[in-house]
Amino acid sequence: MKETVENAPGTVGVGPWEGEWPTGLHWDPELLANGDTRNVVDEYRYWTHEAIVADLDSKRHEFHVAIENWQHDLNIGSVVRTANAFLAREVHIIGRRRWNRRGAMVTDRYQHVRHHATVEEFVAWAGGEGLAVVGIDNFPDSVPLETYALPRKCVLVFGQEGPGLTPEVHAAADATLSIAQFGSTRSINASAAAAIAMHGWVRRHVFNQPVVR
């Protein structure tokens, strides 16, 4: 069993490994010697980056996440971080290739991110992979996320803050879902909507919770 020393107040992670070092290719000698302050769960402490990604790849879920990035949306980093937490297979950036990584808190190192220059390119890719395109936005023809049977193999698509989904994605989507709201605001933050939708998929396909009618 691994033994670690307690870090000083205000620090993150664990200190150098105490006692005899464990054996195995997934252990990182530098981290064992100096400590591990990365933003990873305890299961992956002292593991190499490559070993962590390989282990995640062996058990990723079957849903993808996509977000449109025509105006350098600052929410993308938060979406990537949440996608990593819920173990999405991939995150897709539609539009501008560059995105603000600050909100990702370095989780983009462990999460596969793919770029699509246009909506047409993205839709063609999704069709080739056999994925249902599910838009999340408040359109007149949207159906409630809470009562929709999310398919196991799908890509959840989100528009950028403000404009929401473009007409091109709306037209190409197999379904467009809305999130129930009960207050005075007309919409919720894009990264918050993404977290709710991803958790909806997890509840249905990981915890097998039935759709509420």
C-alpha atoms as a PDB file:
ATOM      1  CA  MET A   1       0.000   0.000   0.000  1.00  0.00           C
ATOM      2  CA  LYS A   2       1.316   3.430  -0.866  1.00  0.00           C
ATOM      3  CA  GLU A   3       2.275   5.816   1.866  1.00  0.00           C
ATOM      4  CA  THR A   4       2.384   9.554   1.421  1.00  0.00           C
ATOM      5  CA  VAL A   5       3.391  12.470   3.572  1.00  0.00           C
ATOM      6  CA  GLU A   6       0.908  15.207   4.333  1.00  0.00           C
ATOM      7  CA  ASN A   7       1.431  18.338   2.276  1.00  0.00           C
ATOM      8  CA  ALA A   8       1.904  21.743   3.762  1.00  0.00           C
ATOM      9  CA  PRO A   9      -1.287  23.835   4.185  1.00  0.00           C
ATOM     10  CA  GLY A  10      -2.432  25.374   0.917  1.00  0.00           C
ATOM     11  CA  THR A  11      -0.723  22.844  -1.357  1.00  0.00           C
ATOM     12  CA  VAL A  12      -2.499  20.374  -3.616  1.00  0.00           C
ATOM     13  CA  GLY A  13      -1.850  16.682  -4.138  1.00  0.00           C
ATOM     14  CA  VAL A  14       0.574  14.377  -2.375  1.00  0.00           C
ATOM     15  CA  GLY A  15       4.231  14.518  -1.480  1.00  0.00           C
ATOM     16  CA  PRO A  16       7.049  12.123  -2.381  1.00  0.00           C
ATOM     17  CA  TRP A  17       6.341   8.406  -1.932  1.00  0.00           C
ATOM     18  CA  GLU A  18       7.605   7.091   1.377  1.00  0.00           C
ATOM     19  CA  GLY A  19       8.930   3.570   1.654  1.00  0.00           C
ATOM     20  CA  GLU A  20       9.733   1.074  -1.057  1.00  0.00           C
ATOM     21  CA  TRP A  21       8.661   2.219  -4.515  1.00  0.00           C
ATOM     22  CA  PRO A  22       5.966   0.222  -6.334  1.00  0.00           C
ATOM     23  CA  THR A  23       6.830  -1.570  -9.562  1.00  0.00           C
ATOM     24  CA  GLY A  24       5.063  -1.303 -12.901  1.00  0.00           C
ATOM     25  CA  LEU A  25       5.352   0.664 -16.113  1.00  0.00           C
ATOM     26  CA  HIS A  26       2.461   2.984 -15.178  1.00  0.00           C
ATOM     27  CA  TRP A  27       4.378   4.537 -12.283  1.00  0.00           C
ATOM     28  CA  ASP A  28       6.263   7.787 -12.928  1.00  0.00           C
ATOM     29  CA  PRO A  29       9.678   7.809 -11.184  1.00  0.00           C
ATOM     30  CA  GLU A  30       9.835  11.606 -11.132  1.00  0.00           C
ATOM     31  CA  LEU A  31       6.459  11.883  -9.425  1.00  0.00           C
ATOM     32  CA  LEU A  32       7.319   9.151  -6.949  1.00  0.00           C
ATOM     33  CA  ALA A  33      10.456  11.070  -6.041  1.00  0.00           C
ATOM     34  CA  ASN A  34       9.047  14.598  -5.945  1.00  0.00           C
ATOM     35  CA  GLY A  35       5.318  14.235  -5.278  1.00  0.00           C
ATOM     36  CA  ASP A  36       2.234  14.598  -7.455  1.00  0.00           C
ATOM     37  CA  THR A  37       0.320  17.898  -7.437  1.00  0.00           C
ATOM     38  CA  ARG A  38      -1.704  17.306 -10.623  1.00  0.00           C
ATOM     39  CA  ASN A  39      -5.492  17.662 -10.785  1.00  0.00           C
ATOM     40  CA  VAL A  40      -6.155  13.913 -10.874  1.00  0.00           C
ATOM     41  CA  VAL A  41      -8.159  11.533  -8.682  1.00  0.00           C
ATOM     42  CA  ASP A  42      -6.284   9.517  -6.079  1.00  0.00           C
ATOM     43  CA  GLU A  43      -6.459   6.383  -8.232  1.00  0.00           C
ATOM     44  CA  TYR A  44      -4.075   8.025 -10.710  1.00  0.00           C
ATOM     45  CA  ARG A  45      -1.603   9.531  -8.258  1.00  0.00           C
ATOM     46  CA  TYR A  46       1.996   8.942  -9.359  1.00  0.00           C
ATOM     47  CA  TRP A  47       0.906   7.438 -12.698  1.00  0.00           C
ATOM     48  CA  THR A  48       2.488   8.632 -15.937  1.00  0.00           C
ATOM     49  CA  HIS A  49       0.350  10.846 -18.149  1.00  0.00           C
ATOM     50  CA  GLU A  50       0.357   8.227 -20.886  1.00  0.00           C
ATOM     51  CA  ALA A  51      -0.814   5.503 -18.506  1.00  0.00           C
ATOM     52  CA  ILE A  52      -3.698   7.647 -17.266  1.00  0.00           C
ATOM     53  CA  VAL A  53      -4.910   8.410 -20.791  1.00  0.00           C
ATOM     54  CA  ALA A  54      -4.634   4.751 -21.783  1.00  0.00           C
ATOM     55  CA  ASP A  55      -6.684   3.674 -18.775  1.00  0.00           C
ATOM     56  CA  LEU A  56      -9.344   6.317 -19.478  1.00  0.00           C
ATOM     57  CA  ASP A  57      -9.463   5.232 -23.122  1.00  0.00           C
ATOM     58  CA  SER A  58     -10.253   1.678 -22.043  1.00  0.00           C
ATOM     59  CA  LYS A  59     -13.500   2.736 -20.365  1.00  0.00           C
ATOM     60  CA  ARG A  60     -14.738   5.958 -21.980  1.00  0.00           C
ATOM     61  CA  HIS A  61     -18.492   6.342 -22.422  1.00  0.00           C
ATOM     62  CA  GLU A  62     -20.208   6.305 -25.805  1.00  0.00           C
ATOM     63  CA  PHE A  63     -21.369   9.922 -25.857  1.00  0.00           C
ATOM     64  CA  HIS A  64     -19.469  12.824 -27.383  1.00  0.00           C
ATOM     65  CA  VAL A  65     -19.761  16.550 -26.723  1.00  0.00           C
ATOM     66  CA  ALA A  66     -19.519  19.341 -29.288  1.00  0.00           C
ATOM     67  CA  ILE A  67     -19.572  23.107 -28.888  1.00  0.00           C
ATOM     68  CA  GLU A  68     -19.649  25.814 -31.527  1.00  0.00           C
ATOM     69  CA  ASN A  69     -16.799  28.316 -31.318  1.00  0.00           C
ATOM     70  CA  TRP A  70     -17.409  31.106 -33.796  1.00  0.00           C
ATOM     71  CA  GLN A  71     -16.586  33.945 -31.386  1.00  0.00           C
ATOM     72  CA  HIS A  72     -13.936  32.355 -29.119  1.00  0.00           C
ATOM     73  CA  ASP A  73     -16.393  31.178 -26.466  1.00  0.00           C
ATOM     74  CA  LEU A  74     -14.864  31.314 -22.973  1.00  0.00           C
ATOM     75  CA  ASN A  75     -17.064  28.431 -21.770  1.00  0.00           C
ATOM     76  CA  ILE A  76     -15.260  25.778 -23.786  1.00  0.00           C
ATOM     77  CA  GLY A  77     -12.628  25.131 -21.142  1.00  0.00           C
ATOM     78  CA  SER A  78     -15.322  24.428 -18.549  1.00  0.00           C
ATOM     79  CA  VAL A  79     -17.125  22.124 -20.985  1.00  0.00           C
ATOM     80  CA  VAL A  80     -13.902  20.167 -21.558  1.00  0.00           C
ATOM     81  CA  ARG A  81     -13.354  19.860 -17.804  1.00  0.00           C
ATOM     82  CA  THR A  82     -16.888  18.524 -17.289  1.00  0.00           C
ATOM     83  CA  ALA A  83     -16.550  16.160 -20.251  1.00  0.00           C
ATOM     84  CA  ASN A  84     -13.444  14.737 -18.610  1.00  0.00           C
ATOM     85  CA  ALA A  85     -15.304  14.327 -15.304  1.00  0.00           C
ATOM     86  CA  PHE A  86     -18.129  12.384 -17.006  1.00  0.00           C
ATOM     87  CA  LEU A  87     -15.672  10.480 -19.232  1.00  0.00           C
ATOM     88  CA  ALA A  88     -16.979  11.595 -22.632  1.00  0.00           C
ATOM     89  CA  ARG A  89     -15.374   9.822 -25.555  1.00  0.00           C
ATOM     90  CA  GLU A  90     -14.365  13.071 -27.285  1.00  0.00           C
ATOM     91  CA  VAL A  91     -14.983  16.806 -27.256  1.00  0.00           C
ATOM     92  CA  HIS A  92     -15.494  18.490 -30.625  1.00  0.00           C
ATOM     93  CA  ILE A  93     -14.826  22.143 -31.347  1.00  0.00           C
ATOM     94  CA  ILE A  94     -16.816  23.429 -34.333  1.00  0.00           C
ATOM     95  CA  GLY A  95     -15.570  26.644 -35.913  1.00  0.00           C
ATOM     96  CA  ARG A  96     -12.475  28.404 -34.649  1.00  0.00           C
ATOM     97  CA  ARG A  97      -9.637  26.043 -33.773  1.00  0.00           C
ATOM     98  CA  ARG A  98      -8.274  28.158 -30.928  1.00  0.00           C
ATOM     99  CA  TRP A  99     -10.161  28.078 -27.647  1.00  0.00           C
ATOM    100  CA  ASN A 100      -9.546  29.347 -24.123  1.00  0.00           C
ATOM    101  CA  ARG A 101      -8.006  26.480 -22.144  1.00  0.00           C
ATOM    102  CA  ARG A 102      -7.945  28.246 -18.793  1.00  0.00           C
ATOM    103  CA  GLY A 103     -11.270  26.814 -17.618  1.00  0.00           C
ATOM    104  CA  ALA A 104     -10.183  23.290 -18.504  1.00  0.00           C
ATOM    105  CA  MET A 105      -7.784  23.219 -15.525  1.00  0.00           C
ATOM    106  CA  VAL A 106      -5.358  21.077 -17.573  1.00  0.00           C
ATOM    107  CA  THR A 107      -7.983  18.329 -18.042  1.00  0.00           C
ATOM    108  CA  ASP A 108      -7.592  18.733 -21.817  1.00  0.00           C
ATOM    109  CA  ARG A 109      -4.369  16.737 -21.417  1.00  0.00           C
ATOM    110  CA  TYR A 110      -6.512  13.707 -20.581  1.00  0.00           C
ATOM    111  CA  GLN A 111      -9.508  14.398 -22.816  1.00  0.00           C
ATOM    112  CA  HIS A 112      -9.472  13.859 -26.589  1.00  0.00           C
ATOM    113  CA  VAL A 113     -10.408  17.074 -28.407  1.00  0.00           C
ATOM    114  CA  ARG A 114     -11.167  17.137 -32.149  1.00  0.00           C
ATOM    115  CA  HIS A 115     -11.630  20.193 -34.388  1.00  0.00           C
ATOM    116  CA  HIS A 116     -14.141  20.613 -37.238  1.00  0.00           C
ATOM    117  CA  ALA A 117     -13.839  23.747 -39.336  1.00  0.00           C
ATOM    118  CA  THR A 118     -17.486  23.775 -40.434  1.00  0.00           C
ATOM    119  CA  VAL A 119     -20.858  22.442 -39.346  1.00  0.00           C
ATOM    120  CA  GLU A 120     -21.013  20.406 -42.559  1.00  0.00           C
ATOM    121  CA  GLU A 121     -17.707  18.704 -41.748  1.00  0.00           C
ATOM    122  CA  PHE A 122     -18.886  17.927 -38.213  1.00  0.00           C
ATOM    123  CA  VAL A 123     -22.251  16.522 -39.323  1.00  0.00           C
ATOM    124  CA  ALA A 124     -20.585  14.329 -41.944  1.00  0.00           C
ATOM    125  CA  TRP A 125     -18.187  12.982 -39.324  1.00  0.00           C
ATOM    126  CA  ALA A 126     -21.039  12.221 -36.873  1.00  0.00           C
ATOM    127  CA  GLY A 127     -22.989  10.408 -39.587  1.00  0.00           C
ATOM    128  CA  GLY A 128     -19.983   8.313 -40.474  1.00  0.00           C
ATOM    129  CA  GLU A 129     -19.603   7.290 -36.830  1.00  0.00           C
ATOM    130  CA  GLY A 130     -23.279   6.380 -36.472  1.00  0.00           C
ATOM    131  CA  LEU A 131     -23.862   9.045 -33.828  1.00  0.00           C
ATOM    132  CA  ALA A 132     -27.163  10.827 -33.297  1.00  0.00           C
ATOM    133  CA  VAL A 133     -26.699  14.610 -33.281  1.00  0.00           C
ATOM    134  CA  VAL A 134     -28.583  16.020 -30.284  1.00  0.00           C
ATOM    135  CA  GLY A 135     -28.701  19.802 -29.943  1.00  0.00           C
ATOM    136  CA  ILE A 136     -29.296  21.466 -26.580  1.00  0.00           C
ATOM    137  CA  ASP A 137     -31.096  24.820 -26.867  1.00  0.00           C
ATOM    138  CA  ASN A 138     -34.431  26.520 -26.249  1.00  0.00           C
ATOM    139  CA  PHE A 139     -36.123  26.399 -29.652  1.00  0.00           C
ATOM    140  CA  PRO A 140     -39.902  26.310 -30.220  1.00  0.00           C
ATOM    141  CA  ASP A 141     -39.561  22.736 -31.474  1.00  0.00           C
ATOM    142  CA  SER A 142     -37.276  21.578 -28.641  1.00  0.00           C
ATOM    143  CA  VAL A 143     -38.468  18.707 -26.471  1.00  0.00           C
ATOM    144  CA  PRO A 144     -37.655  18.410 -22.753  1.00  0.00           C
ATOM    145  CA  LEU A 145     -34.340  16.812 -21.931  1.00  0.00           C
ATOM    146  CA  GLU A 146     -35.950  15.425 -18.793  1.00  0.00           C
ATOM    147  CA  THR A 147     -38.378  13.213 -20.763  1.00  0.00           C
ATOM    148  CA  TYR A 148     -36.272  12.419 -23.822  1.00  0.00           C
ATOM    149  CA  ALA A 149     -34.684   8.986 -24.212  1.00  0.00           C
ATOM    150  CA  LEU A 150     -31.101  10.030 -24.948  1.00  0.00           C
ATOM    151  CA  PRO A 151     -29.526   7.477 -27.313  1.00  0.00           C
ATOM    152  CA  ARG A 152     -26.456   5.666 -26.072  1.00  0.00           C
ATOM    153  CA  LYS A 153     -24.389   6.647 -29.113  1.00  0.00           C
ATOM    154  CA  CYS A 154     -24.821  10.378 -29.566  1.00  0.00           C
ATOM    155  CA  VAL A 155     -23.056  13.714 -29.662  1.00  0.00           C
ATOM    156  CA  LEU A 156     -24.496  16.483 -27.497  1.00  0.00           C
ATOM    157  CA  VAL A 157     -24.086  19.827 -29.257  1.00  0.00           C
ATOM    158  CA  PHE A 158     -24.065  23.230 -27.570  1.00  0.00           C
ATOM    159  CA  GLY A 159     -24.044  26.718 -29.009  1.00  0.00           C
ATOM    160  CA  GLN A 160     -21.847  29.473 -27.734  1.00  0.00           C
ATOM    161  CA  GLU A 161     -22.934  31.843 -25.014  1.00  0.00           C
ATOM    162  CA  GLY A 162     -25.533  34.311 -26.267  1.00  0.00           C
ATOM    163  CA  PRO A 163     -26.386  33.241 -29.830  1.00  0.00           C
ATOM    164  CA  GLY A 164     -26.885  29.580 -28.943  1.00  0.00           C
ATOM    165  CA  LEU A 165     -26.946  26.913 -31.651  1.00  0.00           C
ATOM    166  CA  THR A 166     -26.630  28.113 -35.224  1.00  0.00           C
ATOM    167  CA  PRO A 167     -29.482  27.439 -37.670  1.00  0.00           C
ATOM    168  CA  GLU A 168     -27.179  25.001 -39.485  1.00  0.00           C
ATOM    169  CA  VAL A 169     -26.791  22.766 -36.419  1.00  0.00           C
ATOM    170  CA  HIS A 170     -30.472  23.135 -35.547  1.00  0.00           C
ATOM    171  CA  ALA A 171     -31.441  21.905 -39.015  1.00  0.00           C
ATOM    172  CA  ALA A 172     -28.955  19.026 -38.970  1.00  0.00           C
ATOM    173  CA  ALA A 173     -29.822  17.749 -35.479  1.00  0.00           C
ATOM    174  CA  ASP A 174     -31.754  14.516 -35.055  1.00  0.00           C
ATOM    175  CA  ALA A 175     -33.401  16.170 -32.052  1.00  0.00           C
ATOM    176  CA  THR A 176     -33.142  19.435 -30.148  1.00  0.00           C
ATOM    177  CA  LEU A 177     -33.669  19.369 -26.390  1.00  0.00           C
ATOM    178  CA  SER A 178     -34.440  22.070 -23.860  1.00  0.00           C
ATOM    179  CA  ILE A 179     -33.605  22.111 -20.147  1.00  0.00           C
ATOM    180  CA  ALA A 180     -36.468  22.913 -17.790  1.00  0.00           C
ATOM    181  CA  GLN A 181     -36.124  26.323 -16.120  1.00  0.00           C
ATOM    182  CA  PHE A 182     -38.347  27.871 -13.482  1.00  0.00           C
ATOM    183  CA  GLY A 183     -36.926  31.325 -12.812  1.00  0.00           C
ATOM    184  CA  SER A 184     -36.924  34.653 -14.653  1.00  0.00           C
ATOM    185  CA  THR A 185     -33.836  34.173 -16.846  1.00  0.00           C
ATOM    186  CA  ARG A 186     -34.343  33.142 -20.463  1.00  0.00           C
ATOM    187  CA  SER A 187     -31.294  30.879 -20.574  1.00  0.00           C
ATOM    188  CA  ILE A 188     -28.547  29.324 -18.496  1.00  0.00           C
ATOM    189  CA  ASN A 189     -24.809  29.384 -18.956  1.00  0.00           C
ATOM    190  CA  ALA A 190     -23.569  27.170 -21.803  1.00  0.00           C
ATOM    191  CA  SER A 191     -21.165  25.230 -19.593  1.00  0.00           C
ATOM    192  CA  ALA A 192     -23.908  24.657 -17.011  1.00  0.00           C
ATOM    193  CA  ALA A 193     -26.251  23.370 -19.727  1.00  0.00           C
ATOM    194  CA  ALA A 194     -23.521  21.025 -20.934  1.00  0.00           C
ATOM    195  CA  ALA A 195     -23.014  19.633 -17.431  1.00  0.00           C
ATOM    196  CA  ILE A 196     -26.747  19.011 -17.000  1.00  0.00           C
ATOM    197  CA  ALA A 197     -27.054  17.240 -20.361  1.00  0.00           C
ATOM    198  CA  MET A 198     -23.983  15.067 -19.784  1.00  0.00           C
ATOM    199  CA  HIS A 199     -25.265  14.059 -16.379  1.00  0.00           C
ATOM    200  CA  GLY A 200     -28.592  13.208 -17.993  1.00  0.00           C
ATOM    201  CA  TRP A 201     -26.783  10.746 -20.258  1.00  0.00           C
ATOM    202  CA  VAL A 202     -24.905   9.275 -17.280  1.00  0.00           C
ATOM    203  CA  ARG A 203     -28.102   8.814 -15.268  1.00  0.00           C
ATOM    204  CA  ARG A 204     -29.763   6.983 -18.152  1.00  0.00           C
ATOM    205  CA  HIS A 205     -26.931   4.800 -19.415  1.00  0.00           C
ATOM    206  CA  VAL A 206     -24.670   4.318 -16.393  1.00  0.00           C
ATOM    207  CA  PHE A 207     -27.214   4.234 -13.562  1.00  0.00           C
ATOM    208  CA  ASN A 208     -30.087   2.973 -15.752  1.00  0.00           C
ATOM    209  CA  GLN A 209     -32.564   5.513 -14.462  1.00  0.00           C
ATOM    210  CA  PRO A 210     -35.805   5.398 -16.481  1.00  0.00           C
ATOM    211  CA  VAL A 211     -37.017   8.387 -18.462  1.00  0.00           C
ATOM    212  CA  VAL A 212     -39.562  10.450 -16.498  1.00  0.00           C
ATOM    213  CA  ARG A 213     -42.851  10.837 -18.339  1.00  0.00           C
END
